[in-house]
Amino acid sequence: MPDAFACFLRNDGEVLLCRRGDDPETGDGPTAESAEWDVPRAPAGDDPEAVATALAERAAGDATLVRSGRAVDAGGESVRPFLFDCADRSVDSAALPGDPAETAWATPTELLRRDAGPGAWRAYEVVAPTVRSVAADDEHGSAYLSVRALEVLRDRAAVVADEGAADDAELRDLAARLRRARPSMAALHNRVNRAVAEADGTPAGVEASADGGIDRAIRADEGAASAAADRVRGEHALTLSRSGTVLAALREGPPAALFVAESRPGNEGVGVAETLADGTSVTLHTDAAAAHVLATADVDAVLVGADTVLPDGSVVNKTGTRAVALAAAREGVPLYAAAASDKVATDEEVPLESGDRAAVYDGDAPVDVRNPTFDVTPPDLVEAVVTERGALSPDDVADVAEELRELAERADE
């Protein structure tokens, strides 16, 4: 049983750091020279995960557990780390242990440079994103995972710089492994490429470039969501699957009514319907009913996400998107794909990932099973790709693809 837990609260690539309050023996407050920066940590109790989760929810409100890790030695104390994603940066300092005198949101790599608490960086490394976690994540879209990939690159660059390495050769190899981890996600490729291409060839430069890339990626995704919100505000809309950009657009809109396909086999649409039900009139339906809903209900627009946009304007998204696009075209309902421009691919084709066979059929009959995760919707079925740059036509998409090809070439130099 660990002695304590460490609670990493993350928002937009940064974590909450705390600086202790008055010294209990002297009554002195912290000084810039003596005070330790740390993440919230407290005695673990009999159920460390429950205690850590309760703390995160009290302090940050909307906090979601991402992962926990094995306990690490922290100055003779056994500390188990937990990582939470926070919806925003509103924090109730009174709910944090140790009566901190100061709090700050900062990159986790600051734990390598500030006078951090014992074992703080080691604890972070246990729960930090990795190439493996990026590859294995089947719950989040490419916008989210591209930011996680940039965190992997930033964190390792900080360690390599701290070790005194003179060049970024190791980091270029890491960038290549990150791209291979999710071959169908153009945003991840383009954002990792930009971090490498715009750095100065040093580990410190890669760290700064990746960190800046996180902020740029988040702002681009927010811009695309705002542009998409204008297409559905006050309208009757239909969507499927789960896209962070689409979800943000539907929250910002919001539409007067929303139809949501359940999006089997993962049922991501169910979570979207539940999330939006408090603020919008939501109707959840089966995937097979999407064409019927478009034919019989008052639907003004279809809004979907995009894991990748091909150079010709085709949209790669969760399987079922093409069928909905065909039905929407039959009924004269425009379909918009919301995506940051970084989701434009540089290649004409991308590998399409497949899901678990057992998610479709786990019986004993000798049947073949196909469970494609993505399908491709041709550009003539897409009214516009809505990005932070505005609505892109197929010709506009081709121009963006050329820009990103040049970026990829610089990253490979």
Protein backbone atom coordinates (compact mmCIF):
# COMPACT_ATOMS: atom_id res chain seq x y z
CA MET A 1 0.00 0.00 0.00
CA PRO A 2 1.52 3.38 -0.99
CA ASP A 3 2.07 5.99 1.69
CA ALA A 4 0.65 8.81 -0.42
CA PHE A 5 -0.73 9.70 -3.82
CA ALA A 6 0.25 12.42 -6.28
CA CYS A 7 -2.56 14.06 -8.23
CA PHE A 8 -1.67 15.45 -11.68
CA LEU A 9 -4.47 17.74 -12.87
CA ARG A 10 -3.98 18.42 -16.61
CA ASN A 11 -5.56 21.02 -18.87
CA ASP A 12 -4.35 21.98 -22.36
CA GLY A 13 -1.00 20.23 -21.91
CA GLU A 14 -0.18 21.84 -18.55
CA VAL A 15 -0.56 20.57 -14.99
CA LEU A 16 -1.42 22.30 -11.75
CA LEU A 17 1.59 23.00 -9.53
CA CYS A 18 1.36 24.12 -5.90
CA ARG A 19 3.78 25.86 -3.60
CA ARG A 20 3.53 25.14 0.12
CA GLY A 21 2.24 27.61 2.64
CA ASP A 22 3.81 28.73 5.92
CA ASP A 23 6.44 26.50 7.49
CA PRO A 24 4.63 24.83 10.44
CA GLU A 25 7.71 25.23 12.67
CA THR A 26 8.82 28.78 11.85
CA GLY A 27 5.65 30.31 10.49
CA ASP A 28 7.65 31.71 7.58
CA GLY A 29 5.96 31.89 4.21
CA PRO A 30 7.61 30.56 1.02
CA THR A 31 10.38 32.42 -0.75
CA ALA A 32 11.50 32.15 -4.34
CA GLU A 33 14.71 30.48 -3.16
CA SER A 34 13.33 27.97 -0.67
CA ALA A 35 9.76 26.99 -1.54
CA GLU A 36 9.16 23.66 -3.24
CA TRP A 37 6.79 23.39 -6.16
CA ASP A 38 4.84 20.15 -6.30
CA VAL A 39 1.61 18.61 -7.49
CA PRO A 40 -1.16 17.97 -4.96
CA ARG A 41 -0.31 14.95 -2.83
CA ALA A 42 -1.81 13.52 0.35
CA PRO A 43 -1.94 10.29 2.39
CA ALA A 44 -3.22 7.42 0.25
CA GLY A 45 -5.57 5.73 2.70
CA ASP A 46 -7.02 2.29 2.00
CA ASP A 47 -8.23 3.17 -1.51
CA PRO A 48 -5.77 5.60 -3.16
CA GLU A 49 -7.73 5.86 -6.42
CA ALA A 50 -10.96 6.80 -4.65
CA VAL A 51 -9.17 9.35 -2.47
CA ALA A 52 -7.32 10.87 -5.45
CA THR A 53 -10.50 11.04 -7.53
CA ALA A 54 -12.42 12.70 -4.72
CA LEU A 55 -9.65 15.29 -4.37
CA ALA A 56 -9.59 15.98 -8.11
CA GLU A 57 -13.36 16.42 -8.24
CA ARG A 58 -13.41 18.72 -5.21
CA ALA A 59 -10.57 20.85 -6.51
CA ALA A 60 -11.29 20.96 -10.24
CA GLY A 61 -14.94 19.96 -10.59
CA ASP A 62 -15.07 18.31 -14.02
CA ALA A 63 -12.04 16.01 -13.74
CA THR A 64 -11.71 12.67 -15.54
CA LEU A 65 -9.24 9.99 -14.52
CA VAL A 66 -6.92 9.24 -17.45
CA ARG A 67 -4.64 6.67 -15.85
CA SER A 68 -2.94 5.64 -12.63
CA GLY A 69 0.54 4.19 -12.24
CA ARG A 70 2.67 2.12 -9.96
CA ALA A 71 3.97 3.71 -6.79
CA VAL A 72 7.42 5.32 -6.96
CA ASP A 73 9.95 6.14 -4.27
CA ALA A 74 9.85 9.83 -3.42
CA GLY A 75 12.44 10.67 -0.82
CA GLY A 76 11.76 7.53 1.21
CA GLU A 77 7.99 7.75 0.78
CA SER A 78 6.00 5.50 -1.55
CA VAL A 79 3.85 7.70 -3.80
CA ARG A 80 1.28 6.48 -6.34
CA PRO A 81 0.53 8.92 -9.19
CA PHE A 82 -2.83 9.63 -10.85
CA LEU A 83 -3.43 11.73 -13.96
CA PHE A 84 -6.71 13.59 -14.53
CA ASP A 85 -7.97 15.66 -17.45
CA CYS A 86 -9.74 18.85 -16.33
CA ALA A 87 -12.33 20.62 -18.45
CA ASP A 88 -10.99 24.05 -17.46
CA ARG A 89 -8.57 25.74 -15.08
CA SER A 90 -11.01 26.74 -12.37
CA VAL A 91 -9.50 25.35 -9.18
CA ASP A 92 -10.71 25.58 -5.59
CA SER A 93 -7.41 26.06 -3.76
CA ALA A 94 -9.11 25.45 -0.42
CA ALA A 95 -9.75 21.86 -1.53
CA LEU A 96 -6.03 21.21 -2.14
CA PRO A 97 -4.01 19.51 0.60
CA GLY A 98 -1.25 21.33 2.45
CA ASP A 99 -2.82 24.79 2.36
CA PRO A 100 -0.78 25.93 -0.69
CA ALA A 101 0.27 29.56 -0.70
CA GLU A 102 0.39 29.67 -4.50
CA THR A 103 -0.77 27.63 -7.46
CA ALA A 104 0.21 27.82 -11.12
CA TRP A 105 -0.53 25.97 -14.34
CA ALA A 106 2.75 24.98 -15.99
CA THR A 107 4.20 22.37 -18.30
CA PRO A 108 5.14 19.19 -16.40
CA THR A 109 8.71 19.71 -17.60
CA GLU A 110 8.95 22.59 -15.12
CA LEU A 111 9.33 19.86 -12.49
CA LEU A 112 12.81 19.30 -13.93
CA ARG A 113 13.77 22.94 -13.47
CA ARG A 114 11.95 24.23 -10.42
CA ASP A 115 12.76 23.18 -6.88
CA ALA A 116 10.21 20.38 -7.11
CA GLY A 117 9.04 18.02 -4.41
CA PRO A 118 10.87 14.70 -4.07
CA GLY A 119 9.98 12.22 -6.78
CA ALA A 120 7.58 14.60 -8.56
CA TRP A 121 9.08 14.13 -12.03
CA ARG A 122 9.48 10.39 -11.52
CA ALA A 123 5.82 10.15 -10.54
CA TYR A 124 4.79 12.14 -13.62
CA GLU A 125 6.74 9.87 -15.97
CA VAL A 126 4.74 6.88 -14.73
CA VAL A 127 1.42 8.40 -15.89
CA ALA A 128 2.63 10.63 -18.74
CA PRO A 129 1.51 9.85 -22.30
CA THR A 130 3.77 7.52 -24.27
CA VAL A 131 4.00 6.22 -27.81
CA ARG A 132 2.26 3.09 -26.58
CA SER A 133 -0.63 4.95 -24.94
CA VAL A 134 -1.14 7.06 -28.08
CA ALA A 135 -1.23 3.91 -30.20
CA ALA A 136 -3.63 2.06 -27.88
CA ASP A 137 -6.14 4.88 -27.28
CA ASP A 138 -9.43 3.96 -28.97
CA GLU A 139 -11.59 6.44 -27.03
CA HIS A 140 -10.33 9.78 -28.36
CA GLY A 141 -10.10 11.41 -31.76
CA SER A 142 -7.09 12.70 -33.62
CA ALA A 143 -7.27 16.26 -32.22
CA TYR A 144 -6.87 14.97 -28.67
CA LEU A 145 -4.25 12.37 -29.58
CA SER A 146 -2.17 14.85 -31.58
CA VAL A 147 -1.80 16.95 -28.43
CA ARG A 148 -0.83 13.86 -26.44
CA ALA A 149 1.80 13.05 -29.10
CA LEU A 150 3.23 16.56 -28.78
CA GLU A 151 3.39 16.05 -25.01
CA VAL A 152 5.41 12.86 -25.53
CA LEU A 153 7.85 14.73 -27.77
CA ARG A 154 8.05 17.75 -25.43
CA ASP A 155 8.61 15.67 -22.30
CA ARG A 156 11.38 13.57 -23.82
CA ALA A 157 13.02 16.64 -25.33
CA ALA A 158 13.18 18.21 -21.87
CA VAL A 159 14.90 15.12 -20.44
CA VAL A 160 17.37 14.93 -23.34
CA ALA A 161 18.15 18.63 -22.95
CA ASP A 162 18.60 18.18 -19.21
CA GLU A 163 21.10 15.40 -19.92
CA GLY A 164 23.14 17.79 -22.06
CA ALA A 165 22.65 16.23 -25.50
CA ALA A 166 23.90 18.41 -28.34
CA ASP A 167 21.46 17.46 -31.14
CA ASP A 168 17.93 16.17 -31.66
CA ALA A 169 18.65 12.86 -33.44
CA GLU A 170 16.92 10.80 -30.74
CA LEU A 171 13.90 13.09 -30.91
CA ARG A 172 13.59 12.76 -34.68
CA ASP A 173 13.43 9.00 -34.20
CA LEU A 174 10.77 9.48 -31.53
CA ALA A 175 8.80 11.69 -33.92
CA ALA A 176 8.89 8.93 -36.53
CA ARG A 177 7.61 6.38 -33.98
CA LEU A 178 4.78 8.71 -33.01
CA ARG A 179 3.72 9.06 -36.64
CA ARG A 180 3.76 5.29 -37.09
CA ALA A 181 1.65 4.83 -33.94
CA ARG A 182 -1.47 6.21 -35.66
CA PRO A 183 -0.97 5.95 -39.42
CA SER A 184 -4.45 7.23 -40.31
CA MET A 185 -4.35 10.43 -38.21
CA ALA A 186 -3.04 13.29 -40.34
CA ALA A 187 -3.30 15.86 -37.54
CA LEU A 188 -0.88 13.89 -35.40
CA HIS A 189 1.59 13.59 -38.31
CA ASN A 190 1.39 17.25 -39.29
CA ARG A 191 1.68 18.59 -35.76
CA VAL A 192 4.64 16.37 -34.90
CA ASN A 193 6.27 17.33 -38.21
CA ARG A 194 5.82 21.02 -37.44
CA ALA A 195 7.38 20.63 -33.99
CA VAL A 196 10.50 19.08 -35.52
CA ALA A 197 10.68 21.27 -38.63
CA GLU A 198 10.36 24.56 -36.75
CA ALA A 199 12.87 23.67 -34.02
CA ASP A 200 16.50 24.80 -34.16
CA GLY A 201 18.03 21.32 -34.17
CA THR A 202 18.59 21.16 -30.41
CA PRO A 203 16.61 19.24 -27.77
CA ALA A 204 15.73 22.50 -26.04
CA GLY A 205 14.47 23.81 -29.37
CA VAL A 206 12.30 20.75 -29.90
CA GLU A 207 10.85 21.12 -26.41
CA ALA A 208 9.95 24.77 -27.06
CA SER A 209 8.56 23.98 -30.51
CA ALA A 210 6.44 21.06 -29.26
CA ASP A 211 5.14 23.14 -26.36
CA GLY A 212 4.21 25.97 -28.72
CA GLY A 213 2.63 23.39 -31.02
CA ILE A 214 0.30 22.26 -28.24
CA ASP A 215 -1.05 25.78 -27.82
CA ARG A 216 -1.33 26.24 -31.58
CA ALA A 217 -3.19 22.92 -31.96
CA ILE A 218 -5.67 23.75 -29.22
CA ARG A 219 -6.37 27.20 -30.69
CA ALA A 220 -6.86 25.70 -34.18
CA ASP A 221 -9.30 23.09 -32.88
CA GLU A 222 -11.22 25.79 -31.02
CA GLY A 223 -11.34 27.94 -34.14
CA ALA A 224 -12.70 25.08 -36.24
CA ALA A 225 -15.34 24.37 -33.60
CA SER A 226 -16.47 28.01 -33.54
CA ALA A 227 -16.73 28.10 -37.32
CA ALA A 228 -18.76 24.88 -37.30
CA ALA A 229 -21.03 26.19 -34.55
CA ASP A 230 -22.21 28.89 -36.97
CA ARG A 231 -23.51 26.16 -39.29
CA VAL A 232 -25.81 24.55 -36.72
CA ARG A 233 -26.77 27.36 -34.33
CA GLY A 234 -30.54 27.28 -33.87
CA GLU A 235 -30.94 24.58 -36.53
CA HIS A 236 -32.00 20.93 -36.42
CA ALA A 237 -28.80 18.92 -36.83
CA LEU A 238 -27.71 15.29 -37.06
CA THR A 239 -24.34 13.87 -36.04
CA LEU A 240 -22.60 10.58 -35.37
CA SER A 241 -19.57 9.22 -33.51
CA ARG A 242 -17.62 11.41 -31.09
CA SER A 243 -15.43 14.27 -32.25
CA GLY A 244 -14.02 16.75 -29.77
CA THR A 245 -14.32 19.51 -32.37
CA VAL A 246 -17.94 18.64 -33.18
CA LEU A 247 -18.83 18.33 -29.50
CA ALA A 248 -17.40 21.80 -28.85
CA ALA A 249 -19.33 23.18 -31.84
CA LEU A 250 -22.61 21.68 -30.66
CA ARG A 251 -22.06 23.12 -27.20
CA GLU A 252 -21.24 26.54 -28.59
CA GLY A 253 -24.07 26.53 -31.17
CA PRO A 254 -26.21 25.03 -29.87
CA PRO A 255 -28.70 23.54 -32.36
CA ALA A 256 -32.40 23.76 -31.57
CA ALA A 257 -32.62 19.98 -31.85
CA LEU A 258 -30.05 17.26 -32.34
CA PHE A 259 -30.32 13.74 -33.74
CA VAL A 260 -27.45 11.43 -32.77
CA ALA A 261 -26.68 8.05 -34.32
CA GLU A 262 -25.50 5.57 -31.67
CA SER A 263 -22.30 4.86 -33.69
CA ARG A 264 -21.83 1.16 -33.15
CA PRO A 265 -19.87 -0.88 -32.29
CA GLY A 266 -18.22 1.60 -29.91
CA ASN A 267 -21.48 3.50 -29.21
CA GLU A 268 -19.63 6.81 -29.04
CA GLY A 269 -22.82 8.58 -30.06
CA VAL A 270 -24.52 7.48 -26.85
CA GLY A 271 -21.96 9.41 -24.81
CA VAL A 272 -22.40 12.47 -27.03
CA ALA A 273 -26.18 12.35 -26.55
CA GLU A 274 -25.81 12.07 -22.79
CA THR A 275 -23.30 14.93 -22.67
CA LEU A 276 -25.51 17.35 -24.61
CA ALA A 277 -28.93 16.33 -23.29
CA ASP A 278 -29.02 19.00 -20.58
CA GLY A 279 -28.71 21.91 -23.00
CA THR A 280 -30.31 20.67 -26.24
CA SER A 281 -33.29 18.61 -27.35
CA VAL A 282 -31.54 15.33 -28.20
CA THR A 283 -32.89 12.25 -29.99
CA LEU A 284 -30.71 9.14 -30.01
CA HIS A 285 -31.30 6.57 -32.75
CA THR A 286 -29.71 3.50 -34.29
CA ASP A 287 -27.21 3.83 -37.11
CA ALA A 288 -29.56 1.92 -39.42
CA ALA A 289 -32.26 4.54 -38.79
CA ALA A 290 -30.15 7.50 -39.93
CA ALA A 291 -31.53 7.50 -43.49
CA HIS A 292 -35.08 7.23 -42.16
CA VAL A 293 -34.51 10.14 -39.76
CA LEU A 294 -33.13 12.30 -42.57
CA ALA A 295 -36.14 11.44 -44.74
CA THR A 296 -38.83 12.00 -42.14
CA ALA A 297 -37.52 14.46 -39.55
CA ASP A 298 -36.86 18.16 -39.95
CA VAL A 299 -33.05 18.08 -40.30
CA ASP A 300 -31.27 21.19 -41.60
CA ALA A 301 -27.64 20.02 -41.52
CA VAL A 302 -25.38 17.08 -40.77
CA LEU A 303 -22.23 17.87 -38.79
CA VAL A 304 -19.48 15.27 -38.50
CA GLY A 305 -15.84 15.26 -37.52
CA ALA A 306 -12.88 14.13 -39.57
CA ASP A 307 -9.92 12.08 -38.49
CA THR A 308 -8.30 12.96 -41.81
CA VAL A 309 -9.17 15.02 -44.88
CA LEU A 310 -7.56 13.70 -48.07
CA PRO A 311 -5.97 16.16 -50.53
CA ASP A 312 -8.96 15.85 -52.89
CA GLY A 313 -11.38 16.87 -50.13
CA SER A 314 -12.55 13.36 -49.20
CA VAL A 315 -13.30 12.93 -45.50
CA VAL A 316 -12.02 9.99 -43.46
CA ASN A 317 -14.20 9.55 -40.39
CA LYS A 318 -15.92 6.91 -38.24
CA THR A 319 -17.55 4.16 -40.28
CA GLY A 320 -21.13 5.14 -41.04
CA THR A 321 -20.26 8.66 -42.16
CA ARG A 322 -20.40 7.74 -45.86
CA ALA A 323 -23.83 6.11 -45.49
CA VAL A 324 -25.17 9.18 -43.68
CA ALA A 325 -23.66 11.44 -46.37
CA LEU A 326 -25.38 9.47 -49.12
CA ALA A 327 -28.72 9.65 -47.31
CA ALA A 328 -28.27 13.36 -46.62
CA ALA A 329 -27.52 14.06 -50.29
CA ARG A 330 -30.68 12.17 -51.27
CA GLU A 331 -32.73 14.42 -48.99
CA GLY A 332 -30.94 17.66 -49.94
CA VAL A 333 -29.42 18.12 -46.47
CA PRO A 334 -25.89 19.63 -46.46
CA LEU A 335 -23.14 17.71 -44.66
CA TYR A 336 -20.30 19.65 -43.05
CA ALA A 337 -17.06 18.15 -41.73
CA ALA A 338 -15.52 20.11 -38.85
CA ALA A 339 -11.76 19.81 -38.55
CA ALA A 340 -8.65 21.88 -38.01
CA SER A 341 -6.65 22.37 -41.22
CA ASP A 342 -3.87 20.21 -39.73
CA LYS A 343 -6.12 17.22 -40.43
CA VAL A 344 -5.44 17.51 -44.15
CA ALA A 345 -3.30 14.59 -45.27
CA THR A 346 -0.25 14.90 -47.48
CA ASP A 347 -0.79 11.51 -49.16
CA GLU A 348 -3.63 10.61 -51.49
CA GLU A 349 -4.51 7.58 -49.39
CA VAL A 350 -4.18 6.75 -45.71
CA PRO A 351 -4.27 3.33 -44.02
CA LEU A 352 -7.71 2.71 -42.54
CA GLU A 353 -7.58 1.15 -39.10
CA SER A 354 -9.78 -1.78 -38.15
CA GLY A 355 -11.46 -2.49 -34.84
CA ASP A 356 -11.67 -5.61 -32.72
CA ARG A 357 -13.38 -8.56 -34.42
CA ALA A 358 -15.14 -9.50 -31.19
CA ALA A 359 -16.88 -6.13 -31.09
CA VAL A 360 -18.97 -7.35 -34.04
CA TYR A 361 -19.15 -11.11 -33.42
CA ASP A 362 -17.60 -13.32 -30.76
CA GLY A 363 -19.50 -16.52 -31.48
CA ASP A 364 -18.27 -19.86 -32.79
CA ALA A 365 -19.83 -19.95 -36.26
CA PRO A 366 -17.34 -19.98 -39.16
CA VAL A 367 -18.13 -16.48 -40.41
CA ASP A 368 -15.80 -13.75 -41.58
CA VAL A 369 -16.00 -10.45 -39.73
CA ARG A 370 -15.19 -6.95 -40.94
CA ASN A 371 -15.03 -4.10 -38.46
CA PRO A 372 -13.54 -1.08 -40.26
CA THR A 373 -13.04 1.83 -37.89
CA PHE A 374 -13.13 4.47 -40.64
CA ASP A 375 -14.71 4.99 -44.05
CA VAL A 376 -14.12 7.56 -46.79
CA THR A 377 -16.76 10.09 -47.87
CA PRO A 378 -16.05 11.57 -51.32
CA PRO A 379 -15.90 15.36 -51.71
CA ASP A 380 -19.07 15.62 -53.80
CA LEU A 381 -21.03 14.53 -50.70
CA VAL A 382 -19.40 17.15 -48.45
CA GLU A 383 -20.79 20.69 -48.54
CA ALA A 384 -17.61 22.07 -46.94
CA VAL A 385 -14.73 21.19 -44.66
CA VAL A 386 -15.09 23.78 -41.91
CA THR A 387 -11.75 24.77 -40.35
CA GLU A 388 -10.14 27.56 -38.34
CA ARG A 389 -9.31 29.07 -41.76
CA GLY A 390 -12.97 29.04 -42.75
CA ALA A 391 -14.86 26.70 -45.09
CA LEU A 392 -12.50 24.89 -47.47
CA SER A 393 -13.44 23.72 -50.95
CA PRO A 394 -11.62 20.72 -52.50
CA ASP A 395 -9.22 23.17 -54.25
CA ASP A 396 -8.52 24.89 -50.92
CA VAL A 397 -7.84 21.52 -49.31
CA ALA A 398 -5.34 20.71 -52.08
CA ASP A 399 -3.48 23.96 -51.34
CA VAL A 400 -3.29 23.11 -47.62
CA ALA A 401 -2.00 19.64 -48.47
CA GLU A 402 0.85 21.18 -50.45
CA GLU A 403 1.78 23.42 -47.51
CA LEU A 404 1.89 20.41 -45.22
CA ARG A 405 3.99 18.38 -47.68
CA GLU A 406 6.65 21.09 -47.53
CA LEU A 407 6.50 20.92 -43.73
CA ALA A 408 6.98 17.14 -43.80
CA GLU A 409 10.01 17.52 -46.09
CA ARG A 410 11.60 19.96 -43.65
CA ALA A 411 10.95 17.57 -40.77
CA ASP A 412 12.79 14.79 -42.65
CA GLU A 413 15.86 16.87 -43.52
